[in-house]
């Protein structure tokens, strides 16, 4: 496998279901998959990361920050998740309304792992609501246009115009109108 460039956020979905030959039903695959937590190095898989002599231009390393798990089969099942808190750097297990600290990070590697969420180590968000930090590190034109829609000042002006149009189409109700409105 070879890649041309790398995204700031990498999602790896593990194939956990297979169809039996001549069967409509799918079987759950519960094979153990050993995946790295702190150091997923894909430097050698990226074509644009190679110098003319074949050496690496830089290290491209990802760290795991979340895992979704599936327990059960295709007919029914239960999802849980592990996530690493960016503030205290601890792993937590999310199971419905229960959240527990995972004391040993290797416990997030289970046979139930279904989706793996990695962040490239050189990527940092500027803040929780700053799409521009992704916009400038992503090579996908569609994504850039979508993000630009949310970050452009023009969007606020469009919303104001839509609101004014909606106000013009409202009509007063027929019949008596109270002079004062009260909350009951």
N, C-alpha and C. Protein backbone atom coordinates (compact mmCIF):
# COMPACT_ATOMS: atom_id res chain seq x y z
N UNK A 1 0.84 -1.17 0.00
CA UNK A 1 0.00 0.00 0.00
C UNK A 1 0.89 1.23 0.00
N UNK A 2 0.49 2.25 -0.78
CA UNK A 2 1.20 3.52 -0.81
C UNK A 2 0.19 4.66 -0.74
N UNK A 3 0.57 5.73 -0.08
CA UNK A 3 -0.26 6.92 0.05
C UNK A 3 0.51 8.10 -0.53
N UNK A 4 -0.22 9.10 -1.04
CA UNK A 4 0.46 10.28 -1.55
C UNK A 4 0.63 11.32 -0.44
N UNK A 5 -0.41 11.50 0.38
CA UNK A 5 -0.34 12.45 1.49
C UNK A 5 -1.10 11.86 2.67
N UNK A 6 -1.01 12.54 3.80
CA UNK A 6 -1.65 12.01 5.01
C UNK A 6 -2.60 13.04 5.61
N UNK A 7 -3.74 12.58 6.11
CA UNK A 7 -4.68 13.50 6.75
C UNK A 7 -4.27 13.76 8.20
N UNK A 8 -4.75 14.85 8.78
CA UNK A 8 -4.44 15.11 10.18
C UNK A 8 -5.11 14.09 11.12
N UNK A 9 -6.29 13.64 10.74
CA UNK A 9 -7.03 12.63 11.51
C UNK A 9 -7.20 11.41 10.62
N UNK A 10 -6.84 10.25 11.15
CA UNK A 10 -6.89 9.00 10.39
C UNK A 10 -7.86 8.04 11.08
N UNK A 11 -8.84 7.57 10.35
CA UNK A 11 -9.81 6.60 10.87
C UNK A 11 -9.54 5.27 10.18
N UNK A 12 -9.31 4.25 10.98
CA UNK A 12 -9.12 2.90 10.45
C UNK A 12 -10.29 2.06 10.93
N UNK A 13 -11.06 1.54 9.99
CA UNK A 13 -12.21 0.70 10.31
C UNK A 13 -11.82 -0.75 10.07
N UNK A 14 -11.89 -1.55 11.11
CA UNK A 14 -11.52 -2.96 11.00
C UNK A 14 -12.70 -3.78 10.49
N UNK A 15 -12.45 -4.64 9.54
CA UNK A 15 -13.51 -5.49 9.01
C UNK A 15 -13.83 -6.54 10.06
N UNK A 16 -15.02 -6.46 10.62
CA UNK A 16 -15.42 -7.38 11.69
C UNK A 16 -16.55 -8.32 11.31
N UNK A 17 -17.06 -8.23 10.08
CA UNK A 17 -18.14 -9.11 9.66
C UNK A 17 -17.81 -9.71 8.32
N UNK A 18 -18.19 -10.99 8.12
CA UNK A 18 -17.99 -11.64 6.83
C UNK A 18 -19.24 -12.42 6.48
N UNK A 19 -19.46 -12.53 5.17
CA UNK A 19 -20.61 -13.30 4.69
C UNK A 19 -20.18 -14.74 4.51
N UNK A 20 -21.02 -15.64 4.98
CA UNK A 20 -20.77 -17.05 4.75
C UNK A 20 -21.13 -17.40 3.31
N UNK A 21 -20.46 -18.37 2.74
CA UNK A 21 -20.72 -18.75 1.34
C UNK A 21 -22.16 -19.24 1.21
N UNK A 22 -22.92 -18.58 0.31
CA UNK A 22 -24.31 -18.96 0.07
C UNK A 22 -25.22 -18.60 1.22
N UNK A 23 -24.75 -17.76 2.12
CA UNK A 23 -25.56 -17.41 3.29
C UNK A 23 -25.90 -15.93 3.27
N UNK A 24 -27.10 -15.60 3.69
CA UNK A 24 -27.54 -14.21 3.81
C UNK A 24 -26.94 -13.58 5.06
N UNK A 25 -26.74 -14.38 6.07
CA UNK A 25 -26.28 -13.88 7.36
C UNK A 25 -24.77 -13.65 7.37
N UNK A 26 -24.36 -12.70 8.18
CA UNK A 26 -22.94 -12.40 8.32
C UNK A 26 -22.45 -12.88 9.67
N UNK A 27 -21.22 -13.37 9.67
CA UNK A 27 -20.60 -13.83 10.89
C UNK A 27 -19.68 -12.74 11.45
N UNK A 28 -19.60 -12.69 12.76
CA UNK A 28 -18.73 -11.72 13.41
C UNK A 28 -17.31 -12.28 13.46
N UNK A 29 -16.34 -11.45 13.06
CA UNK A 29 -14.92 -11.81 13.17
C UNK A 29 -14.39 -11.26 14.48
N UNK A 30 -13.90 -12.14 15.33
CA UNK A 30 -13.40 -11.68 16.63
C UNK A 30 -11.91 -11.95 16.77
N UNK A 31 -11.20 -11.91 15.64
CA UNK A 31 -9.75 -12.10 15.68
C UNK A 31 -9.09 -10.93 16.40
N UNK A 32 -8.08 -11.24 17.16
CA UNK A 32 -7.33 -10.18 17.83
C UNK A 32 -6.51 -9.42 16.79
N UNK A 33 -6.57 -8.10 16.84
CA UNK A 33 -5.77 -7.24 15.97
C UNK A 33 -4.91 -6.39 16.90
N UNK A 34 -3.63 -6.56 16.78
CA UNK A 34 -2.71 -5.80 17.61
C UNK A 34 -2.40 -4.48 16.91
N UNK A 35 -2.81 -3.37 17.49
CA UNK A 35 -2.59 -2.06 16.88
C UNK A 35 -1.83 -1.16 17.85
N UNK A 36 -0.98 -0.28 17.32
CA UNK A 36 -0.19 0.59 18.19
C UNK A 36 -1.03 1.69 18.83
N UNK A 37 -0.65 2.07 20.03
CA UNK A 37 -1.35 3.12 20.76
C UNK A 37 -0.65 4.46 20.58
N UNK A 38 0.65 4.49 20.78
CA UNK A 38 1.39 5.75 20.77
C UNK A 38 2.20 6.02 19.53
N UNK A 39 2.41 5.02 18.68
CA UNK A 39 3.41 5.21 17.63
C UNK A 39 3.05 4.41 16.37
N UNK A 40 2.07 4.91 15.60
CA UNK A 40 1.76 4.30 14.31
C UNK A 40 2.58 5.05 13.26
N UNK A 41 3.65 4.45 12.82
CA UNK A 41 4.59 5.10 11.89
C UNK A 41 4.27 4.66 10.47
N UNK A 42 3.77 5.58 9.64
CA UNK A 42 3.46 5.27 8.25
C UNK A 42 4.40 6.02 7.30
N UNK A 43 5.50 6.49 7.80
CA UNK A 43 6.46 7.29 7.02
C UNK A 43 6.86 6.63 5.71
N UNK A 44 7.10 5.33 5.73
CA UNK A 44 7.58 4.63 4.53
C UNK A 44 6.47 4.33 3.53
N UNK A 45 5.21 4.55 3.90
CA UNK A 45 4.09 4.28 3.01
C UNK A 45 3.70 5.50 2.18
N UNK A 46 4.26 6.67 2.51
CA UNK A 46 3.86 7.92 1.87
C UNK A 46 4.84 8.28 0.75
N UNK A 47 4.36 8.24 -0.49
CA UNK A 47 5.21 8.48 -1.66
C UNK A 47 5.85 9.87 -1.63
N UNK A 48 5.05 10.88 -1.27
CA UNK A 48 5.57 12.26 -1.27
C UNK A 48 6.56 12.51 -0.13
N UNK A 49 6.79 11.52 0.71
CA UNK A 49 7.70 11.67 1.85
C UNK A 49 9.09 11.09 1.54
N UNK A 50 9.33 10.77 0.28
CA UNK A 50 10.61 10.15 -0.08
C UNK A 50 11.52 11.12 -0.83
N UNK A 51 12.75 11.17 -0.42
CA UNK A 51 13.78 11.94 -1.14
C UNK A 51 14.18 11.16 -2.38
N UNK A 52 14.87 11.81 -3.35
CA UNK A 52 15.31 11.10 -4.56
C UNK A 52 16.16 9.86 -4.26
N UNK A 53 16.91 9.88 -3.15
CA UNK A 53 17.74 8.72 -2.80
C UNK A 53 16.96 7.63 -2.07
N UNK A 54 15.63 7.86 -1.86
CA UNK A 54 14.79 6.86 -1.19
C UNK A 54 14.65 7.06 0.30
N UNK A 55 15.40 7.96 0.88
CA UNK A 55 15.31 8.20 2.32
C UNK A 55 14.05 9.02 2.65
N UNK A 56 13.67 9.03 3.91
CA UNK A 56 12.50 9.77 4.37
C UNK A 56 12.80 11.27 4.46
N UNK A 57 11.78 12.07 4.13
CA UNK A 57 11.88 13.51 4.35
C UNK A 57 11.62 13.84 5.82
N UNK A 58 10.63 13.15 6.40
CA UNK A 58 10.29 13.36 7.81
C UNK A 58 9.55 12.13 8.33
N UNK A 59 9.43 12.05 9.64
CA UNK A 59 8.66 10.97 10.26
C UNK A 59 7.19 11.36 10.27
N UNK A 60 6.33 10.44 9.87
CA UNK A 60 4.88 10.66 9.91
C UNK A 60 4.32 9.65 10.89
N UNK A 61 4.01 10.15 12.08
CA UNK A 61 3.63 9.27 13.18
C UNK A 61 2.27 9.71 13.74
N UNK A 62 1.44 8.72 13.98
CA UNK A 62 0.10 8.95 14.54
C UNK A 62 0.03 8.36 15.95
N UNK A 63 -0.86 8.96 16.77
CA UNK A 63 -1.14 8.38 18.07
C UNK A 63 -2.65 8.13 18.18
N UNK A 64 -2.99 7.02 18.79
CA UNK A 64 -4.38 6.64 18.98
C UNK A 64 -5.03 7.55 20.01
N UNK A 65 -6.25 8.04 19.72
CA UNK A 65 -6.95 8.83 20.73
C UNK A 65 -8.35 8.29 21.03
N UNK A 66 -8.84 7.33 20.24
CA UNK A 66 -10.15 6.74 20.55
C UNK A 66 -10.30 5.40 19.83
N UNK A 67 -11.11 4.54 20.42
CA UNK A 67 -11.43 3.23 19.85
C UNK A 67 -12.91 2.98 20.08
N UNK A 68 -13.65 2.62 19.03
CA UNK A 68 -15.03 2.17 19.25
C UNK A 68 -15.01 0.65 19.20
N UNK A 69 -15.81 0.05 20.06
CA UNK A 69 -15.86 -1.40 20.19
C UNK A 69 -17.28 -1.90 19.88
N UNK A 70 -17.38 -3.09 19.34
CA UNK A 70 -18.67 -3.71 19.11
C UNK A 70 -18.67 -5.10 19.74
N UNK A 71 -19.67 -5.35 20.57
CA UNK A 71 -19.88 -6.65 21.19
C UNK A 71 -21.19 -7.20 20.68
N UNK A 72 -21.24 -8.46 20.31
CA UNK A 72 -22.46 -9.07 19.82
C UNK A 72 -22.29 -9.54 18.40
N UNK A 73 -23.40 -9.52 17.63
CA UNK A 73 -23.36 -9.96 16.24
C UNK A 73 -24.16 -9.00 15.37
N UNK A 74 -24.43 -9.39 14.12
CA UNK A 74 -25.15 -8.50 13.21
C UNK A 74 -26.59 -8.27 13.64
N UNK A 75 -27.21 -9.23 14.30
CA UNK A 75 -28.61 -9.10 14.70
C UNK A 75 -28.80 -8.20 15.89
N UNK A 76 -27.85 -8.19 16.77
CA UNK A 76 -27.91 -7.32 17.95
C UNK A 76 -26.49 -7.10 18.42
N UNK A 77 -26.32 -6.11 19.23
CA UNK A 77 -24.98 -5.84 19.72
C UNK A 77 -24.96 -4.64 20.64
N UNK A 78 -23.79 -4.35 21.11
CA UNK A 78 -23.60 -3.25 22.05
C UNK A 78 -22.29 -2.55 21.71
N UNK A 79 -22.32 -1.24 21.69
CA UNK A 79 -21.13 -0.45 21.40
C UNK A 79 -20.60 0.22 22.66
N UNK A 80 -19.29 0.23 22.79
CA UNK A 80 -18.62 0.98 23.85
C UNK A 80 -17.47 1.73 23.18
N UNK A 81 -16.80 2.56 23.95
CA UNK A 81 -15.67 3.30 23.38
C UNK A 81 -14.61 3.54 24.44
N UNK A 82 -13.39 3.62 23.99
CA UNK A 82 -12.27 4.08 24.80
C UNK A 82 -11.84 5.41 24.19
N UNK A 83 -11.52 6.38 25.03
CA UNK A 83 -11.03 7.67 24.52
C UNK A 83 -9.99 8.22 25.48
N UNK A 84 -9.01 8.88 24.89
CA UNK A 84 -7.94 9.48 25.68
C UNK A 84 -8.26 10.95 25.90
N UNK A 85 -8.31 11.35 27.16
CA UNK A 85 -8.59 12.74 27.51
C UNK A 85 -7.37 13.59 27.17
N UNK A 86 -7.53 14.62 26.35
CA UNK A 86 -6.36 15.42 25.95
C UNK A 86 -5.79 16.27 27.09
N UNK A 87 -6.58 16.49 28.14
CA UNK A 87 -6.11 17.31 29.25
C UNK A 87 -5.28 16.52 30.26
N UNK A 88 -5.81 15.38 30.70
CA UNK A 88 -5.07 14.61 31.71
C UNK A 88 -4.29 13.44 31.11
N UNK A 89 -4.43 13.23 29.79
CA UNK A 89 -3.70 12.19 29.05
C UNK A 89 -4.04 10.76 29.53
N UNK A 90 -5.17 10.61 30.19
CA UNK A 90 -5.62 9.30 30.67
C UNK A 90 -6.65 8.72 29.71
N UNK A 91 -6.72 7.38 29.67
CA UNK A 91 -7.71 6.67 28.88
C UNK A 91 -8.95 6.41 29.73
N UNK A 92 -10.14 6.50 29.11
CA UNK A 92 -11.39 6.24 29.79
C UNK A 92 -12.23 5.28 28.96
N UNK A 93 -13.02 4.46 29.66
CA UNK A 93 -13.92 3.50 29.04
C UNK A 93 -15.33 4.06 29.15
N UNK A 94 -16.00 4.26 28.00
CA UNK A 94 -17.36 4.79 27.96
C UNK A 94 -18.31 3.64 27.61
N UNK A 95 -19.18 3.30 28.55
CA UNK A 95 -20.13 2.20 28.37
C UNK A 95 -21.49 2.69 28.85
N UNK A 96 -22.31 3.10 27.91
CA UNK A 96 -23.60 3.72 28.21
C UNK A 96 -23.39 4.91 29.15
N UNK A 97 -23.99 4.89 30.32
CA UNK A 97 -23.87 6.03 31.24
C UNK A 97 -22.69 5.88 32.20
N UNK A 98 -21.90 4.84 32.03
CA UNK A 98 -20.76 4.61 32.93
C UNK A 98 -19.44 5.00 32.24
N UNK A 99 -18.66 5.78 32.95
CA UNK A 99 -17.33 6.16 32.47
C UNK A 99 -16.34 5.76 33.54
N UNK A 100 -15.36 4.96 33.15
CA UNK A 100 -14.34 4.53 34.12
C UNK A 100 -12.94 4.76 33.58
N UNK A 101 -12.03 5.04 34.48
CA UNK A 101 -10.63 5.24 34.15
C UNK A 101 -10.01 3.90 33.75
N UNK A 102 -9.24 3.89 32.69
CA UNK A 102 -8.51 2.70 32.27
C UNK A 102 -7.09 2.86 32.79
N UNK A 103 -6.73 2.08 33.78
CA UNK A 103 -5.43 2.26 34.44
C UNK A 103 -4.26 1.78 33.58
N UNK A 104 -4.49 0.79 32.74
CA UNK A 104 -3.44 0.25 31.88
C UNK A 104 -3.81 0.52 30.42
N UNK A 105 -3.14 1.45 29.73
CA UNK A 105 -3.51 1.80 28.35
C UNK A 105 -3.57 0.63 27.38
N UNK A 106 -2.81 -0.43 27.61
CA UNK A 106 -2.85 -1.58 26.70
C UNK A 106 -4.21 -2.27 26.72
N UNK A 107 -5.04 -1.99 27.70
CA UNK A 107 -6.38 -2.60 27.80
C UNK A 107 -7.32 -2.09 26.71
N UNK A 108 -6.95 -1.01 26.01
CA UNK A 108 -7.81 -0.51 24.93
C UNK A 108 -7.67 -1.36 23.66
N UNK A 109 -6.69 -2.22 23.61
CA UNK A 109 -6.50 -3.14 22.49
C UNK A 109 -7.27 -4.42 22.81
N UNK A 110 -8.45 -4.57 22.18
CA UNK A 110 -9.30 -5.73 22.47
C UNK A 110 -9.77 -6.38 21.17
N UNK A 111 -10.35 -7.58 21.30
CA UNK A 111 -10.92 -8.26 20.14
C UNK A 111 -12.20 -7.59 19.66
N UNK A 112 -12.76 -6.69 20.46
CA UNK A 112 -13.99 -5.99 20.08
C UNK A 112 -13.71 -4.69 19.34
N UNK A 113 -12.44 -4.28 19.20
CA UNK A 113 -12.11 -3.02 18.52
C UNK A 113 -12.68 -3.03 17.11
N UNK A 114 -13.33 -1.93 16.74
CA UNK A 114 -14.04 -1.84 15.47
C UNK A 114 -13.55 -0.66 14.64
N UNK A 115 -13.44 0.51 15.26
CA UNK A 115 -12.91 1.70 14.60
C UNK A 115 -11.79 2.28 15.45
N UNK A 116 -10.69 2.64 14.78
CA UNK A 116 -9.52 3.22 15.46
C UNK A 116 -9.36 4.66 14.98
N UNK A 117 -9.25 5.58 15.91
CA UNK A 117 -9.12 7.00 15.59
C UNK A 117 -7.73 7.48 15.98
N UNK A 118 -6.98 7.92 14.97
CA UNK A 118 -5.60 8.37 15.18
C UNK A 118 -5.48 9.86 14.83
N UNK A 119 -4.60 10.55 15.54
CA UNK A 119 -4.24 11.94 15.26
C UNK A 119 -2.77 11.99 14.91
N UNK A 120 -2.45 12.66 13.78
CA UNK A 120 -1.04 12.81 13.43
C UNK A 120 -0.36 13.66 14.50
N UNK A 121 0.78 13.21 15.00
CA UNK A 121 1.42 13.86 16.15
C UNK A 121 1.81 15.31 15.89
N UNK A 122 2.06 15.69 14.64
CA UNK A 122 2.44 17.08 14.36
C UNK A 122 1.23 18.00 14.18
N UNK A 123 0.02 17.47 14.30
CA UNK A 123 -1.21 18.25 14.10
C UNK A 123 -1.79 18.68 15.44
N UNK A 124 -2.09 19.96 15.54
CA UNK A 124 -2.72 20.51 16.75
C UNK A 124 -3.87 21.42 16.33
N UNK A 125 -5.02 21.27 16.99
CA UNK A 125 -6.12 22.21 16.80
C UNK A 125 -5.74 23.52 17.47
N UNK A 126 -6.13 24.65 16.88
CA UNK A 126 -5.91 25.94 17.54
C UNK A 126 -6.86 26.11 18.71
N UNK A 127 -8.11 25.72 18.53
CA UNK A 127 -9.09 25.67 19.62
C UNK A 127 -10.24 24.78 19.17
N UNK A 128 -11.20 24.57 20.05
CA UNK A 128 -12.28 23.62 19.77
C UNK A 128 -13.15 24.01 18.57
N UNK A 129 -13.24 25.30 18.25
CA UNK A 129 -14.15 25.75 17.20
C UNK A 129 -13.42 26.32 15.99
N UNK A 130 -12.17 26.02 15.84
CA UNK A 130 -11.36 26.62 14.78
C UNK A 130 -11.17 25.64 13.63
N UNK A 131 -12.06 25.72 12.63
CA UNK A 131 -11.96 24.85 11.46
C UNK A 131 -10.77 25.23 10.59
N UNK A 132 -10.30 26.46 10.72
CA UNK A 132 -9.18 26.91 9.88
C UNK A 132 -7.93 26.10 10.13
N UNK A 133 -7.75 25.58 11.34
CA UNK A 133 -6.56 24.78 11.62
C UNK A 133 -6.56 23.48 10.83
N UNK A 134 -7.73 22.96 10.50
CA UNK A 134 -7.81 21.78 9.64
C UNK A 134 -7.75 22.21 8.18
N UNK A 135 -8.43 23.29 7.85
CA UNK A 135 -8.54 23.76 6.46
C UNK A 135 -7.17 23.87 5.79
N UNK A 136 -6.18 24.38 6.49
CA UNK A 136 -4.89 24.60 5.89
C UNK A 136 -3.97 23.37 5.90
N UNK A 137 -4.39 22.29 6.55
CA UNK A 137 -3.56 21.09 6.58
C UNK A 137 -4.16 19.95 5.77
N UNK A 138 -5.30 20.18 5.17
CA UNK A 138 -6.00 19.14 4.44
C UNK A 138 -5.92 19.41 2.94
N UNK A 139 -5.73 18.38 2.15
CA UNK A 139 -5.58 18.53 0.70
C UNK A 139 -6.87 18.33 -0.08
N UNK A 140 -7.98 18.13 0.59
CA UNK A 140 -9.21 17.80 -0.10
C UNK A 140 -10.00 19.07 -0.41
N UNK A 141 -10.18 19.40 -1.69
CA UNK A 141 -10.84 20.64 -2.10
C UNK A 141 -12.28 20.73 -1.58
N UNK A 142 -13.03 19.63 -1.67
CA UNK A 142 -14.41 19.65 -1.19
C UNK A 142 -14.46 20.02 0.28
N UNK A 143 -13.58 19.43 1.07
CA UNK A 143 -13.55 19.70 2.49
C UNK A 143 -13.20 21.16 2.75
N UNK A 144 -12.25 21.71 2.00
CA UNK A 144 -11.88 23.11 2.17
C UNK A 144 -13.07 24.02 1.89
N UNK A 145 -13.83 23.72 0.84
CA UNK A 145 -14.99 24.54 0.52
C UNK A 145 -16.05 24.46 1.60
N UNK A 146 -16.27 23.25 2.12
CA UNK A 146 -17.26 23.07 3.17
C UNK A 146 -16.85 23.83 4.43
N UNK A 147 -15.59 23.73 4.81
CA UNK A 147 -15.11 24.43 6.00
C UNK A 147 -15.18 25.94 5.79
N UNK A 148 -14.82 26.40 4.58
CA UNK A 148 -14.86 27.83 4.29
C UNK A 148 -16.27 28.39 4.46
N UNK A 149 -17.28 27.58 4.14
CA UNK A 149 -18.66 28.02 4.31
C UNK A 149 -18.95 28.36 5.76
N UNK A 150 -18.43 27.56 6.68
CA UNK A 150 -18.69 27.78 8.09
C UNK A 150 -17.84 28.90 8.69
N UNK A 151 -16.72 29.18 8.10
CA UNK A 151 -15.81 30.16 8.69
C UNK A 151 -15.89 31.51 8.00
N UNK A 152 -16.59 31.59 6.88
CA UNK A 152 -16.64 32.85 6.14
C UNK A 152 -17.63 33.82 6.78
N UNK A 153 -17.28 35.11 6.84
CA UNK A 153 -18.21 36.12 7.36
C UNK A 153 -19.46 36.22 6.51
N UNK A 154 -19.35 35.84 5.24
CA UNK A 154 -20.50 35.89 4.34
C UNK A 154 -21.66 35.03 4.87
N UNK A 155 -21.35 33.96 5.56
CA UNK A 155 -22.39 33.07 6.08
C UNK A 155 -23.29 33.81 7.06
N UNK A 156 -22.73 34.67 7.88
CA UNK A 156 -23.54 35.44 8.83
C UNK A 156 -24.48 36.39 8.09
N UNK A 157 -23.98 37.02 7.03
CA UNK A 157 -24.79 37.95 6.25
C UNK A 157 -25.94 37.20 5.57
N UNK A 158 -25.66 36.00 5.05
CA UNK A 158 -26.71 35.20 4.42
C UNK A 158 -27.79 34.82 5.43
N UNK A 159 -27.39 34.48 6.63
CA UNK A 159 -28.36 34.12 7.67
C UNK A 159 -29.24 35.31 8.01
N UNK A 160 -28.66 36.50 8.08
CA UNK A 160 -29.42 37.71 8.39
C UNK A 160 -30.45 37.98 7.29
N UNK A 161 -30.05 37.84 6.01
CA UNK A 161 -30.95 38.06 4.89
C UNK A 161 -32.10 37.05 4.91
N UNK A 162 -31.81 35.79 5.22
CA UNK A 162 -32.84 34.75 5.31
C UNK A 162 -33.84 35.08 6.41
N UNK A 163 -33.35 35.57 7.54
CA UNK A 163 -34.21 35.92 8.67
C UNK A 163 -35.12 37.09 8.30
N UNK A 164 -34.59 38.10 7.60
CA UNK A 164 -35.40 39.24 7.17
C UNK A 164 -36.49 38.79 6.21
N UNK A 165 -36.19 37.89 5.29
CA UNK A 165 -37.18 37.38 4.35
C UNK A 165 -38.29 36.63 5.07
N UNK A 166 -37.91 35.86 6.07
CA UNK A 166 -38.90 35.10 6.84
C UNK A 166 -39.83 36.05 7.59
N UNK A 167 -39.31 37.13 8.13
CA UNK A 167 -40.12 38.10 8.87
C UNK A 167 -41.15 38.76 7.95
N UNK A 168 -40.79 39.04 6.70
CA UNK A 168 -41.69 39.70 5.76
C UNK A 168 -42.86 38.82 5.39
N UNK A 169 -42.70 37.51 5.42
CA UNK A 169 -43.77 36.60 5.01
C UNK A 169 -44.73 36.27 6.15
N UNK A 170 -44.40 36.68 7.37
CA UNK A 170 -45.30 36.42 8.50
C UNK A 170 -46.51 37.35 8.41
N UNK A 171 -47.69 36.84 8.77
CA UNK A 171 -48.89 37.68 8.80
C UNK A 171 -49.43 37.70 10.21
N UNK A 172 -50.13 38.77 10.54
CA UNK A 172 -50.72 38.90 11.88
C UNK A 172 -51.89 37.95 11.99
N UNK A 173 -52.09 37.38 13.18
CA UNK A 173 -53.22 36.46 13.35
C UNK A 173 -54.54 37.23 13.30
N UNK A 174 -55.59 36.58 12.84
CA UNK A 174 -56.90 37.22 12.83
C UNK A 174 -57.53 37.06 14.20
N UNK A 175 -58.38 38.00 14.58
CA UNK A 175 -59.03 37.93 15.88
C UNK A 175 -58.30 38.77 16.91
N UNK A 176 -58.78 38.75 18.14
CA UNK A 176 -58.19 39.60 19.18
C UNK A 176 -56.77 39.16 19.54
N UNK A 177 -55.95 40.14 19.88
CA UNK A 177 -54.57 39.89 20.27
C UNK A 177 -54.36 40.49 21.64
N UNK A 178 -53.76 39.73 22.57
CA UNK A 178 -53.48 40.25 23.91
C UNK A 178 -52.43 41.33 23.81
N UNK A 179 -52.57 42.37 24.63
CA UNK A 179 -51.57 43.42 24.68
C UNK A 179 -50.31 42.97 25.37
N UNK A 180 -50.43 42.03 26.28
CA UNK A 180 -49.28 41.61 27.07
C UNK A 180 -49.17 40.10 27.05
N UNK A 181 -47.95 39.62 26.88
CA UNK A 181 -47.73 38.17 26.91
C UNK A 181 -47.10 37.82 28.24
N UNK A 182 -47.55 36.75 28.84
CA UNK A 182 -46.98 36.30 30.10
C UNK A 182 -46.59 34.84 29.97
N UNK A 183 -45.56 34.47 30.72
CA UNK A 183 -45.17 33.05 30.76
C UNK A 183 -45.95 32.36 31.85
N UNK A 184 -46.59 31.26 31.50
CA UNK A 184 -47.34 30.49 32.50
C UNK A 184 -46.59 29.25 32.86
